[in-house]
Amino acid sequence: MPIEILMPALSPTMEEGTLAKWLVKEGDTVSSGDILAEIETDKATMEFEAVDEGTIGKILIEAGAEGVKVNTPIAVLLEEGESASDIGAASSPAPEAPKASEPAAEAASAGGSEKAAPAAPAAADGSRVFATPLARRIAADKGLDLSQIKGTGPHGRIVKADVEAAKPGAAAPAPAAASEAKPAPAPAAASMPTGPSAETVMKMYQDRDYEEVKLDGMRRTVASRLTEAKQTIPHFYLRRDIKLDALLKFRSQLNKQLEGRGVKLSVNDFIIKACALALQSNPTANAVWAADRMLKLKPSDVAVAVAVDGGLFTPVLKDAEMKSLSALSAEMKDLAKRARERKLAPHEYVGGSFAISNLGMFGVDNFDAVINPPHGAILAVGAGVKKPIVGADGELTVATVMSVTLSVDHRVIDGALGAELLQSIVENLENPMVMLA
C-alpha cells in the first residue's frame, strides 16, 4: 500500500516549517537514506532523508510552501508493484497506531513520520504489529517473527533497517513500567505573542509610509519563546561589578605564549569558563525547569547567545568545565561562525542549563537578559570600562570594571543560591589563574 511521507519534526521546537526544495521528482526511485528535500526549520535549513525505498508517486506539497505543519502529508511513496492508481488508498483513514515509546523528536530523526499499513500481523497478545510492506516481505524471506522485532520508525513502526538488523529469535525489549514513563511534555507555547491584531495595528498607521516585513520561522520562534519566558518564568535579577584588570593582564600574557599556535583568547572565553566552574561549585544551581519537576545536571553545559540576521542562536558548549580555555575558544569560534551561516544542527543549540549574553562589544554598560527556557539562569555581560574605585588601602584609584546581571528563574534557584552562584563567577574572573588550577 502506498505510504504517506509526512512533514518531519527536525528539531524539538519545530511545529511547522518551509518545504524549501525538493531534491526528487515524481517517478524517481529512492532508497532508505536518500535525501528527499531541504526543509527550513525555525532555526536552519536541514536535509530530510527517506526511511524506506520505493518510487515517488506523488508530491503533495510544492517546493516553497511555508507554514507546513509537522505530520502533514507532503508526498506519497509507492512500493514495488504499486502504481499511481493505488495512491487513493494512501489517503484513506489508517488504524490508530500504538503510542510511541520515544519522544517525537527521536522519531523525526529517523526521517519523518508515516502511516502504518493496515495489513499487519498480530502479536502474541493480539495487538497489531505495524510494519512497512517491504519490511514484512523481508521478514518472511528471512523467517523472522515481526512481533519479536523492535520498530524504530514513527509510532514504533518496523521499517526495512529493523528487519535487516534483526537476529532470528531476537526478542523486542520489554515495555517500560508505568512508573518509569517519561513525563508529559509541557504545553506548547502560543504560536505568536498576544496583543492587538495585525489589522488593528495597520489601521493605526494607514496614513503613514511603511514597509510590511514578513516574519520568518526564526523570528516567530524568538517572539513566541521569549513571550512565553516573560509570561511564565518568575525572573529576579542580581547585579555585580567585576574588576577585570587581573584578567586582562593574565589574558595578554597567555595570548603572547599562544601566538605560535594561532590561538587568541577573548574575555568571553574566560567568562564561559568562569560560569562553567561556578556551576560545578554550586551544583544545586546547575538545573533546569521541566514542567512539574527540576532536572539537576552534572556537566556544565553553557549556552552562549550569538546574534544572526533576523534572530539569534544559543549554541551550547557541552562539558565546558572540562575543557581548556584554548579548546573553548576554538569551539566557540566554530559554533558562532556556523550559527551565522545557519549551519548548526539542532543538537548543537538545544540543551544547556545556563546561558551567557554578552553585549559589551556593542558598548552596552549593563542590561537584563531574558531567560531561555528551560534554563535556570542567564548572565548578561556589559562592557568593561575604566571607573574610579576605592582600593584595598582605602585610596581612590582607577580600575577596569565590567557590570553583569544574573537573571534567575525563582522556581529553580532561590535568592541566596543565586547570589552564591554569582559570587563564584566574580571570584573566578577576578582571580583568573584559579581557573587553571
Protein backbone atom coordinates (compact mmCIF):
# COMPACT_ATOMS: atom_id res chain seq x y z
CA MET A 1 0.00 0.00 0.00
CA PRO A 2 1.35 3.49 -0.81
CA ILE A 3 2.98 5.22 2.14
CA GLU A 4 2.40 8.86 3.00
CA ILE A 5 5.62 10.76 3.71
CA LEU A 6 4.86 13.28 6.44
CA MET A 7 6.44 16.62 7.32
CA PRO A 8 9.03 15.68 9.97
CA ALA A 9 9.88 17.43 13.23
CA LEU A 10 13.55 18.16 12.61
CA SER A 11 14.10 19.98 15.90
CA PRO A 12 12.47 19.75 19.33
CA THR A 13 10.84 23.19 18.94
CA MET A 14 9.62 22.73 15.37
CA GLU A 15 5.85 22.91 14.90
CA GLU A 16 5.86 23.88 11.24
CA GLY A 17 8.39 24.52 8.52
CA THR A 18 9.00 25.60 4.97
CA LEU A 19 9.47 22.94 2.31
CA ALA A 20 12.32 24.85 0.70
CA LYS A 21 13.33 22.47 -2.07
CA TRP A 22 12.52 19.03 -3.43
CA LEU A 23 15.60 17.01 -4.42
CA VAL A 24 13.49 14.30 -6.08
CA LYS A 25 10.62 14.39 -8.54
CA GLU A 26 7.63 12.17 -9.23
CA GLY A 27 8.74 8.88 -10.73
CA ASP A 28 12.18 8.89 -9.07
CA THR A 29 13.29 5.74 -7.29
CA VAL A 30 14.65 6.31 -3.78
CA SER A 31 16.34 4.14 -1.17
CA SER A 32 16.49 4.39 2.61
CA GLY A 33 18.84 7.25 3.50
CA ASP A 34 18.44 9.16 0.23
CA ILE A 35 17.90 12.90 0.63
CA LEU A 36 14.35 13.80 -0.40
CA ALA A 37 14.10 17.50 0.35
CA GLU A 38 15.51 20.53 2.13
CA ILE A 39 13.31 21.84 4.92
CA GLU A 40 13.65 25.16 6.71
CA THR A 41 13.01 24.74 10.42
CA ASP A 42 12.65 27.53 12.96
CA LYS A 43 16.46 27.78 13.08
CA ALA A 44 18.12 26.31 9.99
CA THR A 45 17.75 24.53 6.66
CA MET A 46 18.09 20.77 7.05
CA GLU A 47 18.06 17.73 4.79
CA PHE A 48 15.19 15.23 5.03
CA GLU A 49 16.02 11.56 4.41
CA ALA A 50 13.87 8.69 3.15
CA VAL A 51 13.08 5.90 5.61
CA ASP A 52 12.01 3.26 3.06
CA GLU A 53 12.75 2.51 -0.55
CA GLY A 54 10.27 2.91 -3.38
CA THR A 55 9.14 5.33 -6.06
CA ILE A 56 7.93 8.87 -5.52
CA GLY A 57 4.34 8.50 -6.69
CA LYS A 58 3.04 11.98 -5.99
CA ILE A 59 4.35 15.20 -4.47
CA LEU A 60 1.56 16.72 -2.36
CA ILE A 61 3.29 19.91 -1.18
CA GLU A 62 5.15 22.02 -3.71
CA ALA A 63 8.60 23.49 -3.09
CA GLY A 64 8.50 26.88 -1.39
CA ALA A 65 5.37 26.13 0.64
CA GLU A 66 5.54 27.88 4.03
CA GLY A 67 3.87 27.06 7.34
CA VAL A 68 3.60 23.32 6.66
CA LYS A 69 2.56 21.72 9.94
CA VAL A 70 4.53 18.78 11.31
CA ASN A 71 2.93 15.42 10.29
CA THR A 72 1.22 16.94 7.24
CA PRO A 73 1.46 14.55 4.22
CA ILE A 74 3.95 16.03 1.74
CA ALA A 75 4.40 13.14 -0.70
CA VAL A 76 3.37 9.56 -1.42
CA LEU A 77 5.85 6.69 -1.77
CA LEU A 78 4.96 3.70 -3.97
CA GLU A 79 6.47 0.33 -3.17
CA GLU A 80 7.34 -2.46 -5.56
CA GLY A 81 4.41 -3.46 -7.77
CA GLU A 82 2.36 -0.35 -6.97
CA SER A 83 1.33 2.35 -9.42
CA ALA A 84 -0.16 5.83 -9.35
CA SER A 85 -3.65 4.30 -9.43
CA ASP A 86 -3.03 2.93 -5.92
CA ILE A 87 -2.39 6.36 -4.41
CA GLY A 88 -6.01 6.99 -3.46
CA ALA A 89 -5.78 4.22 -0.88
CA ALA A 90 -2.99 6.00 0.94
CA SER A 91 -5.31 8.82 1.95
CA SER A 92 -7.93 6.54 3.50
CA PRO A 93 -8.16 6.55 7.30
CA ALA A 94 -5.45 4.45 8.88
CA PRO A 95 -5.93 2.41 12.06
CA GLU A 96 -4.73 4.09 15.18
CA ALA A 97 -1.05 3.41 15.70
CA PRO A 98 0.31 2.34 19.08
CA LYS A 99 1.60 5.14 21.25
CA ALA A 100 5.21 5.98 20.59
CA SER A 101 7.75 4.81 23.16
CA GLU A 102 10.17 7.53 22.10
CA PRO A 103 9.76 11.31 22.01
CA ALA A 104 8.57 12.86 18.77
CA ALA A 105 12.00 14.37 18.15
CA GLU A 106 13.59 10.88 18.17
CA ALA A 107 11.02 9.55 15.74
CA ALA A 108 11.67 12.51 13.48
CA SER A 109 15.38 11.78 13.43
CA ALA A 110 14.59 8.53 11.65
CA GLY A 111 13.48 10.61 8.69
CA GLY A 112 9.88 11.67 9.24
CA SER A 113 6.57 10.03 10.07
CA GLU A 114 4.49 7.58 8.08
CA LYS A 115 1.06 5.98 8.48
CA ALA A 116 1.06 2.29 9.32
CA ALA A 117 -0.03 -0.18 6.69
CA PRO A 118 -3.38 -1.78 7.59
CA ALA A 119 -2.43 -5.33 6.68
CA ALA A 120 -0.18 -6.01 9.66
CA PRO A 121 0.45 -9.25 11.56
CA ALA A 122 -0.70 -9.69 15.13
CA ALA A 123 1.50 -10.18 18.17
CA ALA A 124 1.02 -13.00 20.65
CA ASP A 125 -1.19 -10.82 22.83
CA GLY A 126 -3.44 -9.99 19.88
CA SER A 127 -2.18 -6.45 19.41
CA ARG A 128 -1.37 -5.20 15.92
CA VAL A 129 2.22 -5.17 14.71
CA PHE A 130 2.86 -2.21 12.43
CA ALA A 131 5.44 -2.65 9.69
CA THR A 132 6.02 -1.41 6.17
CA PRO A 133 5.10 -3.85 3.37
CA LEU A 134 8.77 -4.09 2.40
CA ALA A 135 9.74 -4.94 5.98
CA ARG A 136 7.07 -7.68 6.07
CA ARG A 137 8.35 -9.21 2.82
CA ILE A 138 11.96 -9.22 4.04
CA ALA A 139 10.88 -10.74 7.36
CA ALA A 140 9.01 -13.51 5.54
CA ASP A 141 12.08 -14.26 3.40
CA LYS A 142 14.31 -14.42 6.47
CA GLY A 143 11.81 -16.38 8.57
CA LEU A 144 11.58 -13.67 11.21
CA ASP A 145 8.69 -13.09 13.60
CA LEU A 146 7.79 -9.40 13.31
CA SER A 147 6.26 -9.40 16.79
CA GLN A 148 9.75 -10.05 18.16
CA ILE A 149 11.32 -7.04 16.39
CA LYS A 150 11.52 -3.58 17.89
CA GLY A 151 10.47 -0.93 15.38
CA THR A 152 12.44 2.30 15.17
CA GLY A 153 10.15 4.06 12.73
CA PRO A 154 7.46 6.57 13.66
CA HIS A 155 4.99 5.23 16.26
CA GLY A 156 7.20 2.16 16.69
CA ARG A 157 6.64 1.04 13.10
CA ILE A 158 9.02 -1.64 11.83
CA VAL A 159 11.00 -0.49 8.78
CA LYS A 160 13.44 -2.19 6.42
CA ALA A 161 16.51 -1.39 8.55
CA ASP A 162 14.95 -3.03 11.65
CA VAL A 163 14.32 -6.30 9.83
CA GLU A 164 17.75 -6.38 8.19
CA ALA A 165 19.42 -5.82 11.58
CA ALA A 166 17.27 -8.36 13.44
CA LYS A 167 18.58 -11.76 14.51
CA PRO A 168 16.33 -14.83 14.39
CA GLY A 169 14.56 -15.24 17.71
CA ALA A 170 15.62 -11.83 18.98
CA ALA A 171 13.02 -10.51 21.38
CA ALA A 172 11.87 -6.95 21.50
CA PRO A 173 12.71 -5.03 24.68
CA ALA A 174 10.05 -5.21 27.35
CA PRO A 175 7.92 -2.07 27.60
CA ALA A 176 8.87 0.32 30.37
CA ALA A 177 6.84 0.17 33.54
CA ALA A 178 4.22 2.84 34.03
CA SER A 179 6.21 4.25 36.94
CA GLU A 180 9.16 4.78 34.58
CA ALA A 181 7.13 6.60 31.94
CA LYS A 182 8.60 9.85 30.78
CA PRO A 183 6.82 12.99 31.95
CA ALA A 184 4.33 14.53 29.59
CA PRO A 185 5.76 17.47 27.70
CA ALA A 186 4.84 20.95 28.81
CA PRO A 187 2.05 22.60 26.83
CA ALA A 188 3.32 24.24 23.67
CA ALA A 189 3.76 27.97 23.75
CA ALA A 190 1.40 30.17 21.80
CA SER A 191 2.50 30.43 18.19
CA MET A 192 2.65 34.22 18.42
CA PRO A 193 2.66 36.82 21.21
CA THR A 194 -0.64 38.25 22.38
CA GLY A 195 -1.57 41.85 21.70
CA PRO A 196 -3.54 43.91 19.19
CA SER A 197 -4.27 42.14 15.90
CA ALA A 198 -2.25 42.95 12.79
CA GLU A 199 -5.30 44.62 11.27
CA THR A 200 -5.73 46.86 14.31
CA VAL A 201 -2.11 47.99 14.26
CA MET A 202 -2.10 48.53 10.50
CA LYS A 203 -5.15 50.79 10.76
CA MET A 204 -3.25 52.95 13.24
CA TYR A 205 -0.57 53.59 10.60
CA GLN A 206 -2.70 53.59 7.47
CA ASP A 207 -1.80 57.22 6.68
CA ARG A 208 1.95 56.63 7.18
CA ASP A 209 4.55 55.25 4.79
CA TYR A 210 5.79 51.84 5.99
CA GLU A 211 7.10 48.52 4.75
CA GLU A 212 5.46 45.32 5.95
CA VAL A 213 8.08 42.75 6.99
CA LYS A 214 7.01 39.13 6.81
CA LEU A 215 8.13 37.01 9.78
CA ASP A 216 10.30 34.00 9.04
CA GLY A 217 10.42 30.86 11.17
CA MET A 218 13.27 32.10 13.36
CA ARG A 219 11.61 35.44 14.14
CA ARG A 220 8.33 33.68 15.01
CA THR A 221 10.16 31.27 17.30
CA VAL A 222 12.09 34.06 19.05
CA ALA A 223 8.84 36.01 19.56
CA SER A 224 6.85 33.09 20.95
CA ARG A 225 9.61 31.66 23.18
CA LEU A 226 10.58 34.99 24.74
CA THR A 227 6.94 35.92 25.28
CA GLU A 228 6.49 32.56 26.98
CA ALA A 229 9.59 33.21 29.08
CA LYS A 230 8.46 36.61 30.36
CA GLN A 231 4.88 35.41 30.97
CA THR A 232 5.66 32.13 32.71
CA ILE A 233 9.11 32.45 34.32
CA PRO A 234 9.34 34.38 37.63
CA HIS A 235 12.53 36.31 36.90
CA PHE A 236 14.61 38.06 39.53
CA TYR A 237 17.87 39.89 38.95
CA LEU A 238 21.22 40.03 40.73
CA ARG A 239 23.84 42.64 39.77
CA ARG A 240 27.57 42.81 40.41
CA ASP A 241 30.58 44.79 39.22
CA ILE A 242 33.67 42.76 38.35
CA LYS A 243 37.22 44.21 38.34
CA LEU A 244 38.91 42.96 35.16
CA ASP A 245 42.47 44.28 35.49
CA ALA A 246 43.99 40.98 36.68
CA LEU A 247 42.13 39.06 33.96
CA LEU A 248 43.17 41.45 31.20
CA LYS A 249 46.84 41.22 32.27
CA PHE A 250 46.67 37.42 32.51
CA ARG A 251 44.93 37.18 29.13
CA SER A 252 47.63 39.32 27.50
CA GLN A 253 50.36 37.06 28.90
CA LEU A 254 48.60 33.90 27.74
CA ASN A 255 47.95 35.25 24.25
CA LYS A 256 51.65 36.07 23.81
CA GLN A 257 52.53 32.49 24.75
CA LEU A 258 49.85 31.09 22.43
CA GLU A 259 50.77 33.16 19.37
CA GLY A 260 52.73 30.27 17.89
CA ARG A 261 49.63 28.09 17.97
CA GLY A 262 47.45 30.74 16.35
CA VAL A 263 45.24 30.98 19.47
CA LYS A 264 43.88 34.29 20.73
CA LEU A 265 41.70 34.12 23.84
CA SER A 266 38.86 36.60 24.28
CA VAL A 267 37.38 37.89 27.52
CA ASN A 268 34.26 35.94 26.59
CA ASP A 269 36.24 32.69 26.67
CA PHE A 270 37.18 33.43 30.30
CA ILE A 271 33.54 34.24 31.11
CA ILE A 272 32.40 30.88 29.69
CA LYS A 273 35.00 29.03 31.77
CA ALA A 274 34.17 31.04 34.89
CA CYS A 275 30.46 30.23 34.60
CA ALA A 276 31.12 26.54 33.91
CA LEU A 277 33.29 26.22 37.04
CA ALA A 278 30.82 28.24 39.12
CA LEU A 279 28.07 25.75 38.22
CA GLN A 280 30.32 22.96 39.49
CA SER A 281 30.96 24.87 42.72
CA ASN A 282 27.20 25.39 43.13
CA PRO A 283 25.72 22.14 41.74
CA THR A 284 22.20 22.86 43.03
CA ALA A 285 22.07 25.84 40.67
CA ASN A 286 23.03 23.70 37.67
CA ALA A 287 19.40 22.85 36.95
CA VAL A 288 16.54 23.37 34.52
CA TRP A 289 12.76 23.61 34.95
CA ALA A 290 10.78 20.68 33.48
CA ALA A 291 7.06 21.49 33.91
CA ASP A 292 6.43 19.68 37.20
CA ARG A 293 10.00 18.93 38.30
CA MET A 294 13.59 20.09 38.05
CA LEU A 295 16.45 18.34 36.29
CA LYS A 296 19.80 18.80 38.01
CA LEU A 297 22.64 18.44 35.51
CA LYS A 298 26.06 17.07 36.37
CA PRO A 299 28.10 18.57 33.50
CA SER A 300 28.30 22.31 32.89
CA ASP A 301 26.66 22.79 29.50
CA VAL A 302 26.86 26.53 28.86
CA ALA A 303 24.90 28.22 26.05
CA VAL A 304 26.16 31.46 24.50
CA ALA A 305 23.87 33.83 22.59
CA VAL A 306 25.05 34.55 19.04
CA ALA A 307 23.32 37.28 17.02
CA VAL A 308 22.44 36.42 13.41
CA ASP A 309 20.43 38.27 10.78
CA GLY A 310 16.81 38.25 11.90
CA GLY A 311 17.31 36.49 15.22
CA LEU A 312 19.77 34.60 17.39
CA PHE A 313 21.16 31.17 18.19
CA THR A 314 22.31 29.87 21.57
CA PRO A 315 24.88 27.18 20.71
CA VAL A 316 25.82 25.02 23.68
CA LEU A 317 29.38 24.28 24.80
CA LYS A 318 28.98 20.91 26.50
CA ASP A 319 31.21 19.80 29.39
CA ALA A 320 32.68 23.30 29.45
CA GLU A 321 34.17 22.77 32.91
CA MET A 322 36.41 20.01 31.48
CA LYS A 323 37.80 21.99 28.54
CA SER A 324 40.82 24.25 28.39
CA LEU A 325 40.46 27.93 27.57
CA SER A 326 42.01 27.36 24.13
CA ALA A 327 39.62 24.48 23.42
CA LEU A 328 36.62 26.58 24.49
CA SER A 329 37.87 29.45 22.32
CA ALA A 330 38.21 27.27 19.21
CA GLU A 331 34.83 25.61 19.75
CA MET A 332 33.07 28.93 20.34
CA LYS A 333 34.56 30.45 17.19
CA ASP A 334 33.42 27.45 15.15
CA LEU A 335 29.89 27.44 16.61
CA ALA A 336 29.49 31.20 16.15
CA LYS A 337 30.67 31.03 12.52
CA ARG A 338 28.29 28.21 11.65
CA ALA A 339 25.46 29.88 13.56
CA ARG A 340 25.80 32.99 11.39
CA GLU A 341 25.74 30.74 8.31
CA ARG A 342 22.69 28.91 9.78
CA LYS A 343 24.50 25.59 9.51
CA LEU A 344 24.12 24.41 13.11
CA ALA A 345 22.39 21.08 13.76
CA PRO A 346 19.66 21.03 16.46
CA HIS A 347 21.82 19.08 18.94
CA GLU A 348 24.32 21.95 18.85
CA TYR A 349 21.88 24.61 20.07
CA VAL A 350 19.42 22.60 22.18
CA GLY A 351 20.06 21.96 25.86
CA GLY A 352 22.28 23.51 28.47
CA SER A 353 21.27 24.76 31.90
CA PHE A 354 22.81 28.24 31.82
CA ALA A 355 23.34 30.92 29.19
CA ILE A 356 25.55 33.95 28.58
CA SER A 357 24.51 37.05 26.62
CA ASN A 358 27.39 39.47 26.05
CA LEU A 359 26.61 42.91 24.60
CA GLY A 360 29.77 44.53 25.91
CA MET A 361 31.32 44.64 22.44
CA PHE A 362 28.45 46.94 21.42
CA GLY A 363 29.28 49.42 24.18
CA VAL A 364 26.35 48.42 26.40
CA ASP A 365 27.22 49.02 30.06
CA ASN A 366 24.55 46.75 31.56
CA PHE A 367 21.21 45.14 30.75
CA ASP A 368 18.78 42.46 31.89
CA ALA A 369 18.62 39.33 29.72
CA VAL A 370 15.53 37.14 29.30
CA ILE A 371 15.94 33.53 30.44
CA ASN A 372 15.86 30.98 27.61
CA PRO A 373 13.54 28.14 28.75
CA PRO A 374 14.20 25.69 30.28
CA HIS A 375 17.46 27.22 31.59
CA GLY A 376 17.66 28.19 35.25
CA ALA A 377 19.62 31.42 34.68
CA ILE A 378 21.33 33.69 32.15
CA LEU A 379 24.24 36.09 32.68
CA ALA A 380 24.01 39.47 30.92
CA VAL A 381 27.51 40.89 30.36
CA GLY A 382 28.24 44.56 29.77
CA ALA A 383 31.34 46.41 28.59
CA GLY A 384 34.49 46.73 30.65
CA VAL A 385 35.08 50.43 31.31
CA LYS A 386 37.58 52.34 33.41
CA LYS A 387 36.00 53.69 36.61
CA PRO A 388 37.22 55.28 39.82
CA ILE A 389 37.10 52.82 42.73
CA VAL A 390 38.25 52.71 46.33
CA GLY A 391 41.24 50.38 46.56
CA ALA A 392 42.03 47.88 49.30
CA ASP A 393 44.13 50.51 51.07
CA GLY A 394 41.26 52.99 51.06
CA GLU A 395 42.84 55.15 48.37
CA LEU A 396 40.95 56.26 45.30
CA THR A 397 42.21 54.51 42.16
CA VAL A 398 41.09 53.57 38.64
CA ALA A 399 40.13 50.05 37.55
CA THR A 400 38.53 48.38 34.54
CA VAL A 401 35.09 47.35 35.73
CA MET A 402 32.54 45.13 33.99
CA SER A 403 28.89 45.14 35.08
CA VAL A 404 26.98 41.83 34.95
CA THR A 405 23.37 40.93 35.72
CA LEU A 406 22.28 37.40 36.55
CA SER A 407 18.64 36.77 35.55
CA VAL A 408 17.35 33.86 37.62
CA ASP A 409 14.29 31.59 37.43
CA HIS A 410 12.99 31.67 41.00
CA ARG A 411 11.32 28.27 40.52
CA VAL A 412 14.77 26.72 40.10
CA ILE A 413 17.16 28.95 42.06
CA ASP A 414 16.36 30.90 45.22
CA GLY A 415 17.89 34.27 46.06
CA ALA A 416 20.72 33.10 48.32
CA LEU A 417 21.73 30.33 45.92
CA GLY A 418 21.70 32.78 43.01
CA ALA A 419 23.92 35.15 45.00
CA GLU A 420 26.37 32.31 45.73
CA LEU A 421 26.48 31.35 42.06
CA LEU A 422 27.18 34.94 41.03
CA GLN A 423 29.84 35.28 43.75
CA SER A 424 31.63 32.22 42.34
CA ILE A 425 31.57 33.74 38.85
CA VAL A 426 33.00 37.01 40.20
CA GLU A 427 35.78 35.23 42.12
CA ASN A 428 36.76 33.18 39.05
CA LEU A 429 37.03 36.26 36.84
CA GLU A 430 38.84 38.43 39.39
CA ASN A 431 41.33 35.59 40.11
CA PRO A 432 41.72 34.04 36.64
CA MET A 433 44.72 31.85 37.47
CA VAL A 434 42.46 29.85 39.81
CA MET A 435 40.53 28.65 36.76
CA LEU A 436 43.62 26.82 35.52
CA ALA A 437 44.24 25.03 38.79
